[in-house]
Amino acid sequence: MECRCLGAPNFSPMAPRRSRAISVGVARRRLWWRRGEGKVSCSGGESSSNVVTREEYANEEDYIKAGGSEIVYVQMQREKSVDGAQGRIADMLPQLSMANGILDLVVIGCGPAGLSLAAETAKLGLKVGLIGPDLPFTNNYGVWEDEFNDLGLQSCIEHVWHDTIIYLDDDNPLFIGRAYGRVSRHLLLEELVRRCLESGVSYLSSKVESIVEGANGNSHVICESNVVIPCRLATVASGAASGKLLQYEVDGPRVSVQTAYGVEVEVESCPYDPNLMVFMDYRDFSRQKNQSPEAEYPTFLYAMPMSPTRIFFEETCLASKDAMPFELLKTKLLSRLETMGVRVIKTYEEEWSYIPVGGSLPNTEQKNLAFGAAASMVHPATGYSVVRSLTEAPKYASSIARIIKSSESKNMLVHKSSFNVSMQAWRTLWPQERKRQRAFFLFGLALIVQLDIEGIRTFFNTFFRLPKWMWWGFLGSTLSSTDLILFAFYMFVIAPSNLRMNLIRHLLSDPTGATMIRTYLTLA
């Protein structure tokens, strides 16, 4: 579809699956939040569809993780049409049914985390079933090339930029010195499903309603249409909003949200060097026009130039206590690109990225296990999680396999002892060292959501002056808790006085400071 320029009122729409194509601007006129009824619905001349009720979620935090006030856009993202190359999981894996008997493990969720864990556990000789809706990968994944290469997934990267840049407040970019890649969604799905097939994973396309414990200590996974799948252990990898299947710690930190509105477009001329990936552009292009909401709502532009004329732009709010609305992000993107003189010839795709960050950890004394975003594995300060999930899947799978095989021989996987067995797996996923690291990241997250645009620029200008191994490790979650203390001291030393004062004030006054200190002092 054609579009005259990015200053036009709306981009050309991308059609969500199983519904008519509607642009975001039209969507806002057709969507409403019925606070009295607790519903969100699509309406207006058409039959209502995709009605969502709060009752579908365990509590308010679970609802926020699912999308909260932006939940319809989250559904549009999940169900939108993508490149036709993606196949259906049901066409590639053998069907799971009640006739399969008792499974060793059921993995609930078919994203990268669920697929990778299912493949790794089945490879170790377990009888594994995968359950979840058969939906394509719709998110655009960007990764550091070296991290994906280490996972043996280099063939899934469809475009590589050999360097990455950041703009803060002037036209002199900071060069990261690290290659960045865009993941092919259909190749990643194909590769992860291939690994499941080779390992013997069976699949059921269904929503899971609940997990209940049977009289013999096994778990029963209750699916739609009253389909019941018995298993020894169940692992939830169905995304952050999994509160109906898992228990989370009470009175944990409040969940924040990273939101981003993106478009992949054909333009007359790319404003960036096509050989460089733009990781962050925090420059303010609206200074000479009317006052923009930039000061109150700091956002940056994330850009992937695929060619001199084709580019993916995404206006991103790194984190906020309340989700920044997609409509505001779209308005900011339109304003930014119009001022930059970017004219669009064709729109290929829209993206609504919604990533809950922070929040409570799962209760590690429950029998049901978790992985990926459901296990709070999203990096609280960056929103990254896919690489961590893919990296940790083999180790976690080994722990689960060891526990199940040991329990079988000792007949331990029954009643109360099954909870003790599950705790061993939880300790593998969330040892005290990982909890210390997360407490540090949560402290950083709480600081970021309080900073205005000038504070954000000062923070990142200091951050990227650190030794490369420090900020590489911070972004990749590879720094130990001891490394992070060194990171903090080093950053404090080189920071300007106003940022130092912010850091001291934040440590003394914000609850995450006290939590971080307490977590670091806890030995086990």
Protein backbone atom coordinates (compact mmCIF):
# COMPACT_ATOMS: atom_id res chain seq x y z
CA MET A 1 0.00 0.00 0.00
CA GLU A 2 1.16 3.48 -0.75
CA CYS A 3 1.67 6.35 1.67
CA ARG A 4 2.63 9.87 0.64
CA CYS A 5 4.96 10.68 3.53
CA LEU A 6 5.51 9.93 7.20
CA GLY A 7 3.87 13.19 8.10
CA ALA A 8 0.56 11.82 6.87
CA PRO A 9 -2.10 11.06 9.53
CA ASN A 10 -1.71 7.29 9.31
CA PHE A 11 0.66 4.68 7.93
CA SER A 12 -0.68 2.15 5.50
CA PRO A 13 -2.16 -0.67 7.60
CA MET A 14 -0.87 -4.18 7.99
CA ALA A 15 -3.61 -6.76 8.22
CA PRO A 16 -3.97 -8.72 11.48
CA ARG A 17 -4.65 -12.44 10.98
CA ARG A 18 -8.28 -13.53 10.76
CA SER A 19 -9.61 -9.96 10.77
CA ARG A 20 -9.91 -7.05 8.42
CA ALA A 21 -6.98 -4.71 8.03
CA ILE A 22 -7.32 -1.61 10.19
CA SER A 23 -4.83 1.18 10.63
CA VAL A 24 -3.71 2.21 14.09
CA GLY A 25 -5.49 5.55 13.73
CA VAL A 26 -8.77 3.86 12.82
CA ALA A 27 -8.21 1.31 15.57
CA ARG A 28 -8.14 4.04 18.20
CA ARG A 29 -11.57 5.21 17.07
CA ARG A 30 -12.90 1.66 17.15
CA LEU A 31 -11.40 0.48 20.43
CA TRP A 32 -12.50 1.41 23.85
CA TRP A 33 -11.65 0.46 27.38
CA ARG A 34 -14.89 -0.28 29.21
CA ARG A 35 -13.67 0.30 32.72
CA GLY A 36 -17.03 -0.46 34.27
CA GLU A 37 -17.25 -3.84 32.54
CA GLY A 38 -13.56 -4.73 32.72
CA LYS A 39 -13.40 -5.41 28.97
CA VAL A 40 -11.46 -4.35 25.95
CA SER A 41 -13.07 -4.97 22.58
CA CYS A 42 -12.82 -4.21 18.88
CA SER A 43 -15.98 -2.79 17.42
CA GLY A 44 -17.49 -0.38 14.94
CA GLY A 45 -19.62 -1.57 12.06
CA GLU A 46 -18.18 -5.06 12.31
CA SER A 47 -18.96 -7.90 14.65
CA SER A 48 -17.02 -7.62 17.86
CA SER A 49 -13.90 -9.80 18.10
CA ASN A 50 -10.95 -10.42 20.37
CA VAL A 51 -12.88 -9.41 23.48
CA VAL A 52 -10.58 -9.48 26.49
CA THR A 53 -11.73 -9.47 30.11
CA ARG A 54 -9.72 -8.90 33.25
CA GLU A 55 -11.10 -12.17 34.54
CA GLU A 56 -8.82 -13.98 32.10
CA TYR A 57 -5.85 -12.92 34.22
CA ALA A 58 -4.86 -13.84 37.75
CA ASN A 59 -4.60 -10.27 39.09
CA GLU A 60 -3.87 -6.69 38.13
CA GLU A 61 -0.14 -7.31 37.61
CA ASP A 62 -0.88 -10.27 35.35
CA TYR A 63 -3.24 -8.09 33.32
CA ILE A 64 -0.57 -5.37 33.00
CA LYS A 65 1.94 -8.00 31.85
CA ALA A 66 -0.53 -9.09 29.17
CA GLY A 67 -0.84 -5.55 27.81
CA GLY A 68 -3.02 -3.60 30.23
CA SER A 69 -4.49 -0.52 28.56
CA GLU A 70 -2.60 -1.44 25.36
CA ILE A 71 -3.84 -5.03 25.25
CA VAL A 72 -5.66 -4.76 21.93
CA TYR A 73 -2.47 -3.62 20.20
CA VAL A 74 -0.62 -6.50 21.84
CA GLN A 75 -3.21 -8.88 20.38
CA MET A 76 -2.88 -7.23 16.97
CA GLN A 77 0.88 -7.79 17.14
CA ARG A 78 0.49 -11.42 18.13
CA GLU A 79 -2.06 -12.21 15.42
CA LYS A 80 -0.88 -10.02 12.54
CA SER A 81 0.05 -11.41 9.15
CA VAL A 82 3.76 -11.96 8.60
CA ASP A 83 5.87 -13.36 5.79
CA GLY A 84 4.26 -16.45 4.33
CA ALA A 85 7.44 -18.50 4.72
CA GLN A 86 6.57 -19.42 8.32
CA GLY A 87 5.06 -22.87 8.58
CA ARG A 88 2.67 -24.23 11.18
CA ILE A 89 4.14 -26.15 14.11
CA ALA A 90 1.31 -28.72 13.81
CA ASP A 91 2.47 -29.54 10.28
CA MET A 92 6.05 -30.16 11.44
CA LEU A 93 5.74 -32.06 14.74
CA PRO A 94 3.86 -35.29 15.59
CA GLN A 95 0.54 -34.75 17.33
CA LEU A 96 0.30 -35.05 21.10
CA SER A 97 -2.78 -36.79 22.47
CA MET A 98 -4.01 -38.44 25.64
CA ALA A 99 -3.02 -41.76 24.04
CA ASN A 100 0.63 -40.80 24.53
CA GLY A 101 0.34 -41.82 28.18
CA ILE A 102 2.14 -40.04 31.01
CA LEU A 103 4.79 -37.66 29.73
CA ASP A 104 7.94 -36.84 31.66
CA LEU A 105 7.56 -33.13 30.91
CA VAL A 106 5.03 -30.81 29.34
CA VAL A 107 6.33 -27.44 28.13
CA ILE A 108 3.56 -24.85 27.84
CA GLY A 109 4.29 -22.13 25.28
CA CYS A 110 5.66 -22.14 21.74
CA GLY A 111 7.93 -19.11 21.65
CA PRO A 112 11.73 -19.34 21.42
CA ALA A 113 12.01 -20.17 25.14
CA GLY A 114 9.45 -22.98 25.08
CA LEU A 115 10.69 -24.54 21.85
CA SER A 116 14.33 -24.48 22.94
CA LEU A 117 13.59 -26.02 26.34
CA ALA A 118 11.37 -28.73 24.83
CA ALA A 119 14.09 -29.67 22.35
CA GLU A 120 16.87 -29.72 24.96
CA THR A 121 14.95 -31.84 27.48
CA ALA A 122 13.77 -34.34 24.86
CA LYS A 123 17.34 -34.64 23.59
CA LEU A 124 18.27 -36.00 27.03
CA GLY A 125 15.86 -38.90 26.72
CA LEU A 126 12.73 -37.45 28.32
CA LYS A 127 9.26 -37.96 26.86
CA VAL A 128 8.28 -34.34 26.19
CA GLY A 129 5.07 -32.72 25.00
CA LEU A 130 4.74 -29.11 23.79
CA ILE A 131 1.40 -27.32 24.18
CA GLY A 132 0.35 -23.85 23.04
CA PRO A 133 -1.44 -21.90 20.30
CA ASP A 134 0.07 -22.44 16.83
CA LEU A 135 1.01 -18.83 16.06
CA PRO A 136 3.89 -17.48 13.95
CA PHE A 137 6.79 -15.47 15.33
CA THR A 138 5.67 -11.87 14.75
CA ASN A 139 8.23 -9.86 16.74
CA ASN A 140 11.32 -8.43 15.07
CA TYR A 141 14.32 -9.83 16.93
CA GLY A 142 17.61 -7.93 17.01
CA VAL A 143 20.67 -9.64 18.53
CA TRP A 144 24.39 -9.16 18.99
CA GLU A 145 25.86 -11.30 16.23
CA ASP A 146 28.51 -12.94 18.40
CA GLU A 147 25.90 -14.12 20.93
CA PHE A 148 23.76 -15.80 18.25
CA ASN A 149 26.83 -17.34 16.64
CA ASP A 150 27.77 -18.87 20.00
CA LEU A 151 24.34 -20.54 20.05
CA GLY A 152 24.90 -22.11 16.64
CA LEU A 153 22.13 -19.96 15.18
CA GLN A 154 24.15 -17.84 12.76
CA SER A 155 22.16 -19.28 9.85
CA CYS A 156 19.03 -17.65 11.32
CA ILE A 157 20.40 -14.12 10.97
CA GLU A 158 19.11 -12.48 7.80
CA HIS A 159 21.04 -9.20 7.95
CA VAL A 160 24.22 -8.11 9.75
CA TRP A 161 25.55 -4.62 10.46
CA HIS A 162 29.24 -4.80 11.25
CA ASP A 163 29.03 -1.90 13.69
CA THR A 164 26.40 -0.27 15.86
CA ILE A 165 26.04 3.42 16.72
CA ILE A 166 24.35 5.59 19.34
CA TYR A 167 23.34 9.26 19.12
CA LEU A 168 22.71 11.12 22.36
CA ASP A 169 22.48 14.90 21.92
CA ASP A 170 24.51 15.84 18.86
CA ASP A 171 25.40 14.57 15.42
CA ASN A 172 28.58 12.80 16.58
CA PRO A 173 27.70 9.13 17.07
CA LEU A 174 29.26 6.77 19.57
CA PHE A 175 30.55 3.66 17.81
CA ILE A 176 29.88 0.49 19.80
CA GLY A 177 32.36 -1.68 17.89
CA ARG A 178 30.05 -4.70 17.94
CA ALA A 179 28.18 -6.37 15.07
CA TYR A 180 24.40 -6.53 15.29
CA GLY A 181 22.03 -8.86 13.45
CA ARG A 182 18.40 -9.04 12.52
CA VAL A 183 16.92 -12.50 13.02
CA SER A 184 14.84 -14.13 10.32
CA ARG A 185 11.61 -15.05 12.07
CA HIS A 186 10.78 -17.96 9.80
CA LEU A 187 14.32 -19.39 9.90
CA LEU A 188 14.43 -19.20 13.71
CA LEU A 189 11.04 -20.90 14.04
CA GLU A 190 12.06 -23.52 11.49
CA GLU A 191 15.36 -24.24 13.27
CA LEU A 192 13.85 -24.53 16.76
CA VAL A 193 11.02 -26.76 15.51
CA ARG A 194 13.57 -28.90 13.63
CA ARG A 195 15.45 -29.42 16.90
CA CYS A 196 12.19 -30.45 18.58
CA LEU A 197 11.42 -32.90 15.78
CA GLU A 198 14.85 -34.50 15.93
CA SER A 199 14.54 -34.88 19.70
CA GLY A 200 11.10 -36.53 19.55
CA VAL A 201 8.87 -33.73 20.91
CA SER A 202 5.13 -34.11 20.25
CA TYR A 203 2.80 -31.12 19.96
CA LEU A 204 -0.76 -30.07 20.77
CA SER A 205 -2.15 -26.77 19.49
CA SER A 206 -4.28 -25.62 22.39
CA LYS A 207 -4.60 -23.02 25.09
CA VAL A 208 -3.86 -24.36 28.57
CA GLU A 209 -6.55 -23.55 31.13
CA SER A 210 -4.90 -24.85 34.31
CA ILE A 211 -2.47 -27.32 35.86
CA VAL A 212 -3.74 -29.52 38.67
CA GLU A 213 -2.02 -32.17 40.75
CA GLY A 214 -3.40 -35.67 40.55
CA ALA A 215 -3.84 -38.07 43.45
CA ASN A 216 -0.68 -39.95 42.42
CA GLY A 217 1.47 -36.81 42.46
CA ASN A 218 1.57 -36.39 38.69
CA SER A 219 0.43 -33.15 37.09
CA HIS A 220 -2.60 -32.87 34.83
CA VAL A 221 -2.42 -30.14 32.19
CA ILE A 222 -6.01 -29.08 31.44
CA CYS A 223 -6.42 -27.79 27.89
CA GLU A 224 -9.33 -26.43 25.87
CA SER A 225 -12.24 -28.81 25.17
CA ASN A 226 -11.42 -30.65 28.42
CA VAL A 227 -8.36 -32.33 26.98
CA VAL A 228 -6.18 -33.54 29.88
CA ILE A 229 -2.49 -34.33 29.41
CA PRO A 230 -0.84 -36.14 32.37
CA CYS A 231 2.85 -35.55 33.06
CA ARG A 232 5.40 -35.81 35.84
CA LEU A 233 6.36 -32.12 35.63
CA ALA A 234 5.00 -29.08 33.78
CA THR A 235 7.06 -26.05 32.79
CA VAL A 236 5.32 -22.81 31.88
CA ALA A 237 6.98 -20.84 29.08
CA SER A 238 3.90 -19.00 27.82
CA GLY A 239 5.10 -15.43 28.37
CA ALA A 240 5.08 -12.94 31.20
CA ALA A 241 1.31 -13.06 31.81
CA SER A 242 1.25 -16.59 33.26
CA GLY A 243 -0.27 -15.85 36.65
CA LYS A 244 -3.11 -18.38 36.21
CA LEU A 245 -0.59 -21.20 35.87
CA LEU A 246 2.12 -20.01 38.27
CA GLN A 247 2.45 -18.43 41.69
CA TYR A 248 4.59 -15.31 42.07
CA GLU A 249 6.16 -13.76 45.14
CA VAL A 250 3.84 -11.44 47.04
CA ASP A 251 4.75 -7.76 47.50
CA GLY A 252 7.55 -7.91 44.95
CA PRO A 253 8.68 -4.93 42.88
CA ARG A 254 6.11 -3.33 40.62
CA VAL A 255 6.29 -4.38 36.97
CA SER A 256 7.33 -1.67 34.50
CA VAL A 257 6.86 -1.76 30.74
CA GLN A 258 8.98 -1.17 27.65
CA THR A 259 6.84 -0.18 24.67
CA ALA A 260 7.86 0.54 21.09
CA TYR A 261 5.99 1.36 17.90
CA GLY A 262 7.78 0.39 14.70
CA VAL A 263 7.36 0.40 10.93
CA GLU A 264 9.31 -1.22 8.15
CA VAL A 265 9.13 1.07 5.14
CA GLU A 266 10.52 1.93 1.75
CA VAL A 267 11.78 5.52 1.73
CA GLU A 268 13.12 7.92 -0.87
CA SER A 269 16.42 8.18 0.99
CA CYS A 270 17.66 6.58 4.21
CA PRO A 271 18.77 9.14 6.81
CA TYR A 272 21.42 6.75 8.19
CA ASP A 273 24.42 4.89 6.82
CA PRO A 274 23.03 1.50 5.69
CA ASN A 275 26.20 -0.18 6.95
CA LEU A 276 25.50 0.84 10.56
CA MET A 277 22.74 -0.26 12.92
CA VAL A 278 21.31 2.58 15.04
CA PHE A 279 20.91 1.15 18.53
CA MET A 280 19.68 4.39 20.09
CA ASP A 281 19.06 7.87 18.71
CA TYR A 282 18.09 10.15 21.59
CA ARG A 283 18.47 13.38 19.61
CA ASP A 284 15.56 15.80 19.79
CA PHE A 285 14.48 16.73 16.25
CA SER A 286 11.57 18.92 17.38
CA ARG A 287 13.46 21.74 19.11
CA GLN A 288 12.69 24.28 16.43
CA LYS A 289 9.02 23.37 16.34
CA ASN A 290 6.36 23.28 19.02
CA GLN A 291 7.31 21.81 22.39
CA SER A 292 7.11 18.03 22.14
CA PRO A 293 6.40 15.66 25.03
CA GLU A 294 10.04 14.55 24.84
CA ALA A 295 11.05 16.12 28.17
CA GLU A 296 8.31 14.27 30.04
CA TYR A 297 8.45 11.04 28.05
CA PRO A 298 12.03 10.21 26.98
CA THR A 299 12.09 7.98 23.91
CA PHE A 300 14.69 7.04 21.35
CA LEU A 301 14.72 5.83 17.76
CA TYR A 302 15.96 2.30 17.00
CA ALA A 303 16.73 1.85 13.31
CA MET A 304 17.73 -1.06 11.08
CA PRO A 305 18.64 0.11 7.54
CA MET A 306 18.39 -2.95 5.29
CA SER A 307 19.32 -0.99 2.14
CA PRO A 308 19.69 2.66 1.07
CA THR A 309 15.89 2.83 0.76
CA ARG A 310 14.41 0.11 3.03
CA ILE A 311 14.54 0.59 6.79
CA PHE A 312 12.89 -0.49 10.01
CA PHE A 313 12.21 2.45 12.37
CA GLU A 314 11.04 1.94 15.96
CA GLU A 315 10.26 4.66 18.49
CA THR A 316 11.01 3.16 21.90
CA CYS A 317 10.32 4.00 25.51
CA LEU A 318 13.06 2.09 27.34
CA ALA A 319 10.92 1.69 30.47
CA SER A 320 8.09 3.45 32.27
CA LYS A 321 5.99 2.75 35.33
CA ASP A 322 2.85 2.92 33.20
CA ALA A 323 3.03 1.75 29.60
CA MET A 324 3.61 4.61 27.18
CA PRO A 325 0.65 4.41 24.74
CA PHE A 326 1.38 3.20 21.24
CA GLU A 327 -0.52 6.18 19.86
CA LEU A 328 1.89 8.56 21.59
CA LEU A 329 4.88 6.59 20.34
CA LYS A 330 3.49 6.69 16.82
CA THR A 331 2.94 10.45 17.05
CA LYS A 332 6.50 10.94 18.23
CA LEU A 333 7.84 8.76 15.42
CA LEU A 334 5.85 10.68 12.81
CA SER A 335 7.10 13.99 14.17
CA ARG A 336 10.71 12.83 14.36
CA LEU A 337 10.85 11.42 10.84
CA GLU A 338 8.94 14.29 9.28
CA THR A 339 11.48 16.71 10.76
CA MET A 340 14.31 14.50 9.48
CA GLY A 341 12.84 14.85 5.98
CA VAL A 342 12.03 11.17 5.57
CA ARG A 343 9.40 10.44 2.92
CA VAL A 344 7.78 7.02 2.75
CA ILE A 345 7.05 5.28 -0.54
CA LYS A 346 5.64 2.03 0.84
CA THR A 347 4.83 0.51 4.24
CA TYR A 348 5.57 -3.19 4.69
CA GLU A 349 4.78 -3.80 8.35
CA GLU A 350 3.79 -2.20 11.63
CA GLU A 351 4.97 -3.46 15.02
CA TRP A 352 3.61 -2.96 18.52
CA SER A 353 6.26 -4.19 20.95
CA TYR A 354 5.18 -4.58 24.57
CA ILE A 355 7.73 -5.99 27.04
CA PRO A 356 7.03 -6.18 30.81
CA VAL A 357 10.24 -5.65 32.78
CA GLY A 358 10.90 -6.13 36.47
CA GLY A 359 8.08 -7.37 38.66
CA SER A 360 8.04 -10.33 41.02
CA LEU A 361 9.98 -13.56 40.72
CA PRO A 362 8.04 -16.85 40.63
CA ASN A 363 7.54 -18.59 43.94
CA THR A 364 10.36 -21.13 43.92
CA GLU A 365 8.57 -23.46 46.34
CA GLN A 366 5.82 -24.41 43.87
CA LYS A 367 5.80 -27.66 41.92
CA ASN A 368 5.14 -26.16 38.48
CA LEU A 369 8.28 -24.84 36.82
CA ALA A 370 8.75 -21.87 34.49
CA PHE A 371 11.11 -20.64 31.79
CA GLY A 372 11.63 -17.50 29.70
CA ALA A 373 9.51 -14.44 30.43
CA ALA A 374 7.18 -16.53 32.62
CA ALA A 375 10.18 -17.13 34.89
CA SER A 376 11.00 -13.38 34.98
CA MET A 377 14.10 -13.94 32.84
CA VAL A 378 13.66 -10.69 30.88
CA HIS A 379 16.59 -8.32 31.55
CA PRO A 380 14.94 -5.67 33.79
CA ALA A 381 17.07 -2.81 32.45
CA THR A 382 17.07 -3.63 28.70
CA GLY A 383 14.07 -5.83 27.88
CA TYR A 384 16.27 -8.51 26.27
CA SER A 385 15.41 -12.15 27.00
CA VAL A 386 15.59 -14.39 23.92
CA VAL A 387 19.36 -14.95 23.97
CA ARG A 388 19.36 -15.64 27.71
CA SER A 389 16.57 -18.20 27.33
CA LEU A 390 18.30 -19.94 24.44
CA THR A 391 21.61 -19.90 26.32
CA GLU A 392 20.23 -21.30 29.57
CA ALA A 393 17.94 -23.94 28.02
CA PRO A 394 20.59 -26.74 27.93
CA LYS A 395 21.62 -26.25 31.56
CA TYR A 396 18.03 -26.03 32.79
CA ALA A 397 17.05 -29.06 30.71
CA SER A 398 19.90 -31.06 32.26
CA SER A 399 18.67 -30.14 35.73
CA ILE A 400 15.09 -31.16 34.91
CA ALA A 401 16.21 -34.44 33.32
CA ARG A 402 18.43 -35.29 36.26
CA ILE A 403 15.61 -34.60 38.71
CA ILE A 404 13.00 -36.62 36.81
CA LYS A 405 15.28 -39.62 36.27
CA SER A 406 16.42 -39.60 39.88
CA SER A 407 12.86 -39.24 41.10
CA GLU A 408 11.70 -42.16 38.97
CA SER A 409 14.29 -44.47 40.49
CA LYS A 410 13.47 -43.36 44.02
CA ASN A 411 9.69 -42.92 43.50
CA MET A 412 10.00 -39.38 44.87
CA LEU A 413 7.79 -37.48 42.44
CA VAL A 414 4.70 -37.77 44.60
CA HIS A 415 2.88 -35.47 47.00
CA LYS A 416 5.05 -33.16 49.12
CA SER A 417 8.34 -34.62 47.96
CA SER A 418 7.52 -33.47 44.41
CA PHE A 419 7.71 -29.87 45.59
CA ASN A 420 11.17 -30.48 47.03
CA VAL A 421 12.23 -32.01 43.72
CA SER A 422 10.93 -28.95 41.83
CA MET A 423 12.85 -26.66 44.16
CA GLN A 424 16.07 -28.21 42.89
CA ALA A 425 15.17 -27.08 39.37
CA TRP A 426 14.16 -23.63 40.62
CA ARG A 427 17.54 -23.26 42.32
CA THR A 428 19.22 -24.01 38.99
CA LEU A 429 17.23 -21.26 37.32
CA TRP A 430 17.33 -18.73 40.16
CA PRO A 431 20.35 -19.34 42.42
CA GLN A 432 21.23 -16.59 44.87
CA GLU A 433 23.87 -15.26 42.48
CA ARG A 434 21.21 -14.67 39.81
CA LYS A 435 18.97 -12.99 42.38
CA ARG A 436 21.79 -10.58 43.29
CA GLN A 437 22.28 -9.70 39.65
CA ARG A 438 18.57 -9.15 39.16
CA ALA A 439 18.37 -6.94 42.27
CA PHE A 440 21.12 -4.78 40.78
CA PHE A 441 19.28 -4.54 37.45
CA LEU A 442 16.03 -3.64 39.22
CA PHE A 443 17.87 -0.84 41.00
CA GLY A 444 19.01 0.43 37.60
CA LEU A 445 15.51 0.07 36.14
CA ALA A 446 13.99 2.13 38.97
CA LEU A 447 16.56 4.85 38.31
CA ILE A 448 15.93 4.93 34.55
CA VAL A 449 12.15 5.36 34.87
CA GLN A 450 12.74 8.46 37.02
CA LEU A 451 15.12 10.26 34.65
CA ASP A 452 14.07 12.98 32.23
CA ILE A 453 15.58 13.24 28.75
CA GLU A 454 18.68 15.13 29.90
CA GLY A 455 19.20 12.64 32.72
CA ILE A 456 18.90 9.74 30.27
CA ARG A 457 21.48 11.28 27.95
CA THR A 458 23.88 11.89 30.82
CA PHE A 459 23.39 8.33 32.06
CA PHE A 460 24.15 6.72 28.69
CA ASN A 461 27.01 9.08 27.94
CA THR A 462 28.60 7.82 31.17
CA PHE A 463 27.56 4.20 30.59
CA PHE A 464 29.30 3.94 27.22
CA ARG A 465 32.50 5.47 28.62
CA LEU A 466 32.93 2.41 30.84
CA PRO A 467 35.45 -0.26 29.82
CA LYS A 468 33.90 -2.24 26.96
CA TRP A 469 33.76 -5.52 28.90
CA MET A 470 31.61 -3.85 31.53
CA TRP A 471 28.84 -2.49 29.35
CA TRP A 472 28.98 -5.50 27.00
CA GLY A 473 28.50 -7.71 30.05
CA PHE A 474 25.75 -5.53 31.49
CA LEU A 475 23.73 -5.64 28.26
CA GLY A 476 24.27 -9.38 27.93
CA SER A 477 23.60 -10.34 31.59
CA THR A 478 27.07 -11.92 31.84
CA LEU A 479 28.51 -9.81 34.68
CA SER A 480 28.72 -11.54 38.05
CA SER A 481 27.28 -9.83 41.12
CA THR A 482 30.86 -8.89 42.08
CA ASP A 483 31.48 -7.48 38.59
CA LEU A 484 28.34 -5.39 38.94
CA ILE A 485 29.63 -3.79 42.15
CA LEU A 486 32.84 -2.88 40.31
CA PHE A 487 30.66 -1.60 37.46
CA ALA A 488 28.78 0.65 39.91
CA PHE A 489 31.93 2.08 41.50
CA TYR A 490 33.56 2.72 38.13
CA MET A 491 30.44 4.45 36.81
CA PHE A 492 30.19 6.57 39.97
CA VAL A 493 33.81 7.70 39.60
CA ILE A 494 33.48 8.84 35.97
CA ALA A 495 29.94 10.25 36.27
CA PRO A 496 29.33 14.03 36.36
CA SER A 497 28.29 15.48 39.71
CA ASN A 498 24.56 15.67 38.90
CA LEU A 499 24.43 11.96 38.04
CA ARG A 500 26.43 11.10 41.16
CA MET A 501 23.88 12.93 43.29
CA ASN A 502 21.06 11.09 41.53
CA LEU A 503 22.74 7.76 42.22
CA ILE A 504 23.27 8.53 45.92
CA ARG A 505 19.73 9.84 46.34
CA HIS A 506 18.33 6.81 44.54
CA LEU A 507 20.31 4.35 46.66
CA LEU A 508 19.19 5.96 49.92
CA SER A 509 15.55 6.66 49.08
CA ASP A 510 14.28 4.09 46.57
CA PRO A 511 13.11 0.70 47.95
CA THR A 512 15.13 -1.11 45.27
CA GLY A 513 18.32 0.19 46.91
CA ALA A 514 17.51 -1.46 50.24
CA THR A 515 16.36 -4.63 48.45
CA MET A 516 19.60 -4.79 46.48
CA ILE A 517 21.73 -4.46 49.62
CA ARG A 518 19.65 -7.08 51.45
CA THR A 519 19.85 -9.49 48.51
CA TYR A 520 23.62 -9.07 48.23
CA LEU A 521 24.02 -9.82 51.95
CA THR A 522 21.90 -12.99 51.74
CA LEU A 523 24.22 -15.98 51.46
CA ALA A 524 21.73 -18.58 50.22
